Amino acid sequence: MDYKTLMEKAIEASKNAYNRYSNFAVGACVLTENDKIYKGCNFENASFGLSICAERNAVGSAIADGERKIKAIAIYSPNTDNCYPCGACRQVLHEFKSDNGIDVILKQGEELNIRTIDELLPEGFNL
């Protein structure tokens, strides 16, 4: 799957965000090593610590389906360009990266900005 299509699916997912407290919608779409795709959106809760980011939602869907290796993730917010993953999401992505790492695809205007998870989280935590 090409990264433009992955971003389009992240944009679709952002439309389902439940963001009544922050008004900050985010959508994510992961591509696994088996070329399966999983979408996620953020959903908030009145107890803010219980809110879930779009990235972890998408990863969780992949994990629930038996996937363990992610090779790319597209992240989108209509609120801002370059919607980078938070620290918790970076660590989760690091945990499930493929042997070749993960490309993190962000939207910057009409262009795609592609980074790697290792760039965004150098020396990520491993056991």
N, C-alpha and C. Protein backbone atom coordinates (compact mmCIF):
# COMPACT_ATOMS: atom_id res chain seq x y z
N MET A 1 0.85 -1.18 0.00
CA MET A 1 0.00 0.00 0.00
C MET A 1 0.89 1.24 0.00
N ASP A 2 0.52 2.21 -0.80
CA ASP A 2 1.31 3.43 -0.84
C ASP A 2 0.93 4.34 0.33
N TYR A 3 1.84 5.23 0.67
CA TYR A 3 1.66 6.07 1.86
C TYR A 3 0.54 7.10 1.68
N LYS A 4 0.28 7.52 0.46
CA LYS A 4 -0.82 8.46 0.23
C LYS A 4 -2.16 7.82 0.61
N THR A 5 -2.34 6.56 0.22
CA THR A 5 -3.57 5.84 0.56
C THR A 5 -3.68 5.63 2.06
N LEU A 6 -2.56 5.32 2.70
CA LEU A 6 -2.55 5.15 4.15
C LEU A 6 -2.97 6.46 4.83
N MET A 7 -2.48 7.59 4.33
CA MET A 7 -2.87 8.89 4.89
C MET A 7 -4.36 9.16 4.66
N GLU A 8 -4.88 8.81 3.51
CA GLU A 8 -6.31 9.01 3.24
C GLU A 8 -7.15 8.25 4.26
N LYS A 9 -6.72 7.06 4.63
CA LYS A 9 -7.45 6.26 5.62
C LYS A 9 -7.33 6.88 7.02
N ALA A 10 -6.19 7.49 7.32
CA ALA A 10 -6.04 8.19 8.60
C ALA A 10 -6.97 9.41 8.63
N ILE A 11 -7.09 10.10 7.51
CA ILE A 11 -8.00 11.25 7.42
C ILE A 11 -9.44 10.79 7.66
N GLU A 12 -9.83 9.68 7.03
CA GLU A 12 -11.17 9.11 7.25
C GLU A 12 -11.39 8.82 8.73
N ALA A 13 -10.41 8.19 9.37
CA ALA A 13 -10.54 7.81 10.78
C ALA A 13 -10.69 9.04 11.67
N SER A 14 -10.02 10.13 11.32
CA SER A 14 -10.10 11.34 12.17
C SER A 14 -11.52 11.88 12.26
N LYS A 15 -12.33 11.59 11.27
CA LYS A 15 -13.72 12.07 11.26
C LYS A 15 -14.57 11.37 12.31
N ASN A 16 -14.09 10.24 12.83
CA ASN A 16 -14.82 9.50 13.87
C ASN A 16 -14.32 9.80 15.28
N ALA A 17 -13.37 10.70 15.40
CA ALA A 17 -12.81 11.00 16.72
C ALA A 17 -13.89 11.48 17.68
N TYR A 18 -13.76 11.05 18.92
CA TYR A 18 -14.63 11.52 20.00
C TYR A 18 -13.78 12.47 20.84
N ASN A 19 -13.87 13.74 20.51
CA ASN A 19 -12.96 14.73 21.10
C ASN A 19 -13.72 15.92 21.66
N ARG A 20 -14.74 15.63 22.42
CA ARG A 20 -15.63 16.69 22.91
C ARG A 20 -14.98 17.63 23.93
N TYR A 21 -13.86 17.25 24.51
CA TYR A 21 -13.22 18.09 25.51
C TYR A 21 -12.12 18.96 24.91
N SER A 22 -11.32 18.40 24.04
CA SER A 22 -10.20 19.15 23.47
C SER A 22 -10.50 19.73 22.09
N ASN A 23 -11.52 19.19 21.42
CA ASN A 23 -11.80 19.56 20.03
C ASN A 23 -10.59 19.34 19.14
N PHE A 24 -9.76 18.36 19.46
CA PHE A 24 -8.56 18.03 18.69
C PHE A 24 -8.70 16.61 18.16
N ALA A 25 -9.18 16.49 16.94
CA ALA A 25 -9.40 15.18 16.32
C ALA A 25 -8.10 14.64 15.76
N VAL A 26 -7.90 13.33 15.90
CA VAL A 26 -6.74 12.66 15.32
C VAL A 26 -7.19 11.32 14.76
N GLY A 27 -6.66 10.99 13.59
CA GLY A 27 -6.88 9.68 12.99
C GLY A 27 -5.53 9.04 12.70
N ALA A 28 -5.48 7.73 12.76
CA ALA A 28 -4.24 7.01 12.47
C ALA A 28 -4.58 5.75 11.69
N CYS A 29 -3.63 5.32 10.89
CA CYS A 29 -3.78 4.08 10.13
C CYS A 29 -2.44 3.37 10.11
N VAL A 30 -2.41 2.14 10.62
CA VAL A 30 -1.17 1.36 10.63
C VAL A 30 -1.16 0.35 9.51
N LEU A 31 0.03 0.09 9.02
CA LEU A 31 0.28 -0.96 8.02
C LEU A 31 1.19 -1.98 8.67
N THR A 32 0.73 -3.22 8.74
CA THR A 32 1.52 -4.27 9.40
C THR A 32 2.47 -4.93 8.41
N GLU A 33 3.35 -5.72 8.98
CA GLU A 33 4.31 -6.46 8.18
C GLU A 33 3.61 -7.43 7.22
N ASN A 34 2.38 -7.84 7.56
CA ASN A 34 1.58 -8.73 6.71
C ASN A 34 0.70 -7.95 5.73
N ASP A 35 0.97 -6.65 5.59
CA ASP A 35 0.24 -5.76 4.68
C ASP A 35 -1.24 -5.63 5.01
N LYS A 36 -1.59 -5.77 6.28
CA LYS A 36 -2.95 -5.48 6.73
C LYS A 36 -2.97 -4.05 7.26
N ILE A 37 -4.13 -3.41 7.17
CA ILE A 37 -4.27 -2.05 7.67
C ILE A 37 -5.32 -2.00 8.77
N TYR A 38 -5.08 -1.10 9.72
CA TYR A 38 -5.97 -0.92 10.85
C TYR A 38 -6.07 0.57 11.14
N LYS A 39 -7.31 1.05 11.28
CA LYS A 39 -7.52 2.47 11.57
C LYS A 39 -7.85 2.66 13.04
N GLY A 40 -7.59 3.86 13.51
CA GLY A 40 -7.95 4.24 14.87
C GLY A 40 -8.16 5.74 14.94
N CYS A 41 -8.93 6.17 15.92
CA CYS A 41 -9.11 7.61 16.17
C CYS A 41 -9.00 7.82 17.67
N ASN A 42 -8.76 9.07 18.05
CA ASN A 42 -8.69 9.35 19.47
C ASN A 42 -10.10 9.37 20.06
N PHE A 43 -10.19 8.96 21.31
CA PHE A 43 -11.45 9.12 22.02
C PHE A 43 -11.15 9.54 23.44
N GLU A 44 -11.84 10.58 23.84
CA GLU A 44 -11.59 11.22 25.13
C GLU A 44 -12.61 10.76 26.16
N ASN A 45 -12.30 11.09 27.40
CA ASN A 45 -13.15 10.74 28.52
C ASN A 45 -13.11 11.88 29.50
N ALA A 46 -14.20 12.08 30.24
CA ALA A 46 -14.23 13.15 31.23
C ALA A 46 -13.10 12.99 32.25
N SER A 47 -12.69 11.76 32.51
CA SER A 47 -11.50 11.50 33.31
C SER A 47 -10.34 11.44 32.32
N PHE A 48 -9.69 12.57 32.10
CA PHE A 48 -8.76 12.75 30.98
C PHE A 48 -7.71 11.66 30.84
N GLY A 49 -7.25 11.10 31.94
CA GLY A 49 -6.24 10.05 31.88
C GLY A 49 -6.72 8.78 31.19
N LEU A 50 -8.03 8.64 31.04
CA LEU A 50 -8.60 7.47 30.38
C LEU A 50 -8.75 7.66 28.87
N SER A 51 -8.40 8.82 28.37
CA SER A 51 -8.46 9.07 26.94
C SER A 51 -7.44 8.21 26.21
N ILE A 52 -7.75 7.85 24.96
CA ILE A 52 -6.89 7.00 24.16
C ILE A 52 -6.53 7.73 22.87
N CYS A 53 -5.27 7.72 22.53
CA CYS A 53 -4.79 8.35 21.31
C CYS A 53 -5.14 7.49 20.10
N ALA A 54 -5.24 8.12 18.95
CA ALA A 54 -5.56 7.42 17.70
C ALA A 54 -4.52 6.35 17.38
N GLU A 55 -3.25 6.68 17.62
CA GLU A 55 -2.18 5.74 17.29
C GLU A 55 -2.30 4.46 18.08
N ARG A 56 -2.52 4.58 19.39
CA ARG A 56 -2.63 3.39 20.24
C ARG A 56 -3.93 2.64 19.95
N ASN A 57 -4.96 3.35 19.54
CA ASN A 57 -6.20 2.70 19.16
C ASN A 57 -5.97 1.82 17.92
N ALA A 58 -5.28 2.35 16.92
CA ALA A 58 -5.00 1.59 15.70
C ALA A 58 -4.08 0.40 15.99
N VAL A 59 -3.05 0.62 16.78
CA VAL A 59 -2.13 -0.46 17.14
C VAL A 59 -2.89 -1.54 17.90
N GLY A 60 -3.74 -1.14 18.83
CA GLY A 60 -4.52 -2.11 19.59
C GLY A 60 -5.41 -2.98 18.71
N SER A 61 -5.99 -2.38 17.68
CA SER A 61 -6.81 -3.15 16.74
C SER A 61 -5.97 -4.19 16.01
N ALA A 62 -4.77 -3.79 15.62
CA ALA A 62 -3.86 -4.73 14.95
C ALA A 62 -3.47 -5.87 15.89
N ILE A 63 -3.14 -5.53 17.13
CA ILE A 63 -2.74 -6.53 18.11
C ILE A 63 -3.90 -7.51 18.37
N ALA A 64 -5.12 -6.96 18.48
CA ALA A 64 -6.29 -7.81 18.72
C ALA A 64 -6.54 -8.79 17.58
N ASP A 65 -6.04 -8.46 16.39
CA ASP A 65 -6.20 -9.32 15.23
C ASP A 65 -4.99 -10.25 15.05
N GLY A 66 -4.07 -10.24 16.01
CA GLY A 66 -2.94 -11.16 15.97
C GLY A 66 -1.68 -10.60 15.34
N GLU A 67 -1.70 -9.35 14.91
CA GLU A 67 -0.51 -8.75 14.31
C GLU A 67 0.46 -8.32 15.42
N ARG A 68 1.75 -8.38 15.12
CA ARG A 68 2.75 -8.00 16.10
C ARG A 68 3.84 -7.09 15.54
N LYS A 69 3.88 -6.91 14.24
CA LYS A 69 4.92 -6.10 13.61
C LYS A 69 4.29 -5.04 12.71
N ILE A 70 4.61 -3.78 12.99
CA ILE A 70 4.08 -2.67 12.22
C ILE A 70 5.21 -2.05 11.42
N LYS A 71 4.94 -1.78 10.15
CA LYS A 71 5.99 -1.18 9.32
C LYS A 71 5.73 0.28 8.97
N ALA A 72 4.48 0.76 9.13
CA ALA A 72 4.21 2.17 8.86
C ALA A 72 2.95 2.60 9.60
N ILE A 73 2.90 3.89 9.90
CA ILE A 73 1.69 4.49 10.47
C ILE A 73 1.53 5.89 9.90
N ALA A 74 0.31 6.19 9.47
CA ALA A 74 -0.04 7.54 9.04
C ALA A 74 -0.84 8.18 10.16
N ILE A 75 -0.52 9.44 10.47
CA ILE A 75 -1.19 10.16 11.56
C ILE A 75 -1.68 11.49 11.00
N TYR A 76 -2.95 11.83 11.28
CA TYR A 76 -3.53 13.05 10.72
C TYR A 76 -4.41 13.74 11.75
N SER A 77 -4.34 15.07 11.75
CA SER A 77 -5.29 15.89 12.48
C SER A 77 -5.70 17.06 11.60
N PRO A 78 -7.00 17.35 11.53
CA PRO A 78 -7.43 18.53 10.79
C PRO A 78 -7.03 19.82 11.52
N ASN A 79 -6.58 19.69 12.75
CA ASN A 79 -6.24 20.85 13.57
C ASN A 79 -4.84 21.39 13.33
N THR A 80 -3.92 20.55 12.79
CA THR A 80 -2.54 20.98 12.65
C THR A 80 -1.80 20.14 11.62
N ASP A 81 -0.82 20.72 10.99
CA ASP A 81 0.10 19.95 10.16
C ASP A 81 1.05 19.18 11.08
N ASN A 82 1.67 18.14 10.54
CA ASN A 82 2.68 17.38 11.27
C ASN A 82 2.21 17.01 12.67
N CYS A 83 1.14 16.24 12.73
CA CYS A 83 0.61 15.80 14.02
C CYS A 83 1.44 14.63 14.52
N TYR A 84 2.50 14.95 15.25
CA TYR A 84 3.42 13.94 15.76
C TYR A 84 2.79 13.13 16.89
N PRO A 85 3.19 11.87 17.04
CA PRO A 85 2.68 11.07 18.15
C PRO A 85 3.25 11.54 19.49
N CYS A 86 2.46 11.39 20.54
CA CYS A 86 2.92 11.74 21.88
C CYS A 86 3.98 10.73 22.33
N GLY A 87 4.57 10.96 23.47
CA GLY A 87 5.61 10.07 23.98
C GLY A 87 5.12 8.66 24.24
N ALA A 88 3.92 8.52 24.81
CA ALA A 88 3.38 7.18 25.07
C ALA A 88 3.18 6.42 23.77
N CYS A 89 2.66 7.10 22.75
CA CYS A 89 2.46 6.44 21.45
C CYS A 89 3.78 6.09 20.80
N ARG A 90 4.77 6.93 20.95
CA ARG A 90 6.09 6.63 20.39
C ARG A 90 6.65 5.35 21.00
N GLN A 91 6.48 5.19 22.31
CA GLN A 91 6.98 3.98 22.97
C GLN A 91 6.21 2.75 22.51
N VAL A 92 4.89 2.86 22.38
CA VAL A 92 4.09 1.72 21.90
C VAL A 92 4.51 1.35 20.48
N LEU A 93 4.68 2.34 19.62
CA LEU A 93 5.12 2.06 18.25
C LEU A 93 6.49 1.39 18.24
N HIS A 94 7.37 1.87 19.09
CA HIS A 94 8.71 1.28 19.20
C HIS A 94 8.62 -0.21 19.56
N GLU A 95 7.73 -0.53 20.46
CA GLU A 95 7.57 -1.92 20.93
C GLU A 95 7.15 -2.87 19.80
N PHE A 96 6.35 -2.36 18.85
CA PHE A 96 5.79 -3.22 17.81
C PHE A 96 6.38 -2.93 16.43
N LYS A 97 7.53 -2.30 16.36
CA LYS A 97 8.12 -1.99 15.06
C LYS A 97 8.61 -3.25 14.38
N SER A 98 8.55 -3.24 13.05
CA SER A 98 9.06 -4.37 12.27
C SER A 98 10.58 -4.38 12.37
N ASP A 99 11.17 -5.42 11.85
CA ASP A 99 12.64 -5.52 11.88
C ASP A 99 13.29 -4.38 11.11
N ASN A 100 12.57 -3.79 10.18
CA ASN A 100 13.07 -2.65 9.42
C ASN A 100 12.61 -1.31 10.00
N GLY A 101 11.99 -1.34 11.17
CA GLY A 101 11.51 -0.11 11.81
C GLY A 101 10.11 0.25 11.38
N ILE A 102 9.71 1.47 11.70
CA ILE A 102 8.39 2.00 11.33
C ILE A 102 8.59 3.35 10.68
N ASP A 103 7.97 3.54 9.53
CA ASP A 103 7.89 4.87 8.95
C ASP A 103 6.67 5.56 9.55
N VAL A 104 6.87 6.79 10.01
CA VAL A 104 5.79 7.60 10.57
C VAL A 104 5.46 8.65 9.53
N ILE A 105 4.24 8.60 9.01
CA ILE A 105 3.83 9.47 7.91
C ILE A 105 2.93 10.56 8.46
N LEU A 106 3.34 11.79 8.23
CA LEU A 106 2.61 12.96 8.70
C LEU A 106 2.20 13.80 7.49
N LYS A 107 1.18 14.61 7.65
CA LYS A 107 0.73 15.48 6.55
C LYS A 107 1.21 16.89 6.83
N GLN A 108 1.90 17.45 5.86
CA GLN A 108 2.40 18.82 5.96
C GLN A 108 1.91 19.56 4.72
N GLY A 109 0.79 20.28 4.89
CA GLY A 109 0.16 20.90 3.73
C GLY A 109 -0.34 19.80 2.81
N GLU A 110 0.05 19.86 1.55
CA GLU A 110 -0.33 18.82 0.59
C GLU A 110 0.74 17.73 0.47
N GLU A 111 1.82 17.86 1.20
CA GLU A 111 2.94 16.92 1.13
C GLU A 111 2.91 15.95 2.31
N LEU A 112 3.61 14.83 2.14
CA LEU A 112 3.80 13.89 3.24
C LEU A 112 5.19 14.08 3.82
N ASN A 113 5.27 14.11 5.13
CA ASN A 113 6.52 14.21 5.86
C ASN A 113 6.77 12.83 6.48
N ILE A 114 7.80 12.15 6.04
CA ILE A 114 8.06 10.80 6.52
C ILE A 114 9.27 10.78 7.42
N ARG A 115 9.05 10.30 8.64
CA ARG A 115 10.10 10.14 9.64
C ARG A 115 10.14 8.68 10.05
N THR A 116 11.10 8.31 10.86
CA THR A 116 11.11 6.95 11.39
C THR A 116 10.87 7.01 12.89
N ILE A 117 10.38 5.91 13.44
CA ILE A 117 10.15 5.89 14.88
C ILE A 117 11.47 6.04 15.63
N ASP A 118 12.56 5.53 15.07
CA ASP A 118 13.85 5.67 15.74
C ASP A 118 14.32 7.12 15.77
N GLU A 119 13.93 7.91 14.77
CA GLU A 119 14.23 9.35 14.81
C GLU A 119 13.43 10.04 15.91
N LEU A 120 12.17 9.62 16.05
CA LEU A 120 11.27 10.27 17.00
C LEU A 120 11.47 9.78 18.43
N LEU A 121 12.02 8.58 18.58
CA LEU A 121 12.28 8.03 19.91
C LEU A 121 13.63 7.31 19.91
N PRO A 122 14.72 8.08 19.90
CA PRO A 122 16.02 7.42 19.93
C PRO A 122 16.21 6.70 21.26
N GLU A 123 16.81 5.54 21.20
CA GLU A 123 17.06 4.76 22.41
C GLU A 123 15.78 4.39 23.13
N GLY A 124 14.75 4.00 22.37
CA GLY A 124 13.49 3.59 22.97
C GLY A 124 13.68 2.46 23.97
N PHE A 125 12.77 2.36 24.91
CA PHE A 125 12.87 1.39 26.00
C PHE A 125 12.63 -0.02 25.48
N ASN A 126 13.52 -0.93 25.79
CA ASN A 126 13.39 -2.36 25.46
C ASN A 126 13.69 -3.19 26.70
N LEU A 127 13.12 -4.37 26.75
CA LEU A 127 13.45 -5.32 27.80
C LEU A 127 14.39 -6.35 27.24
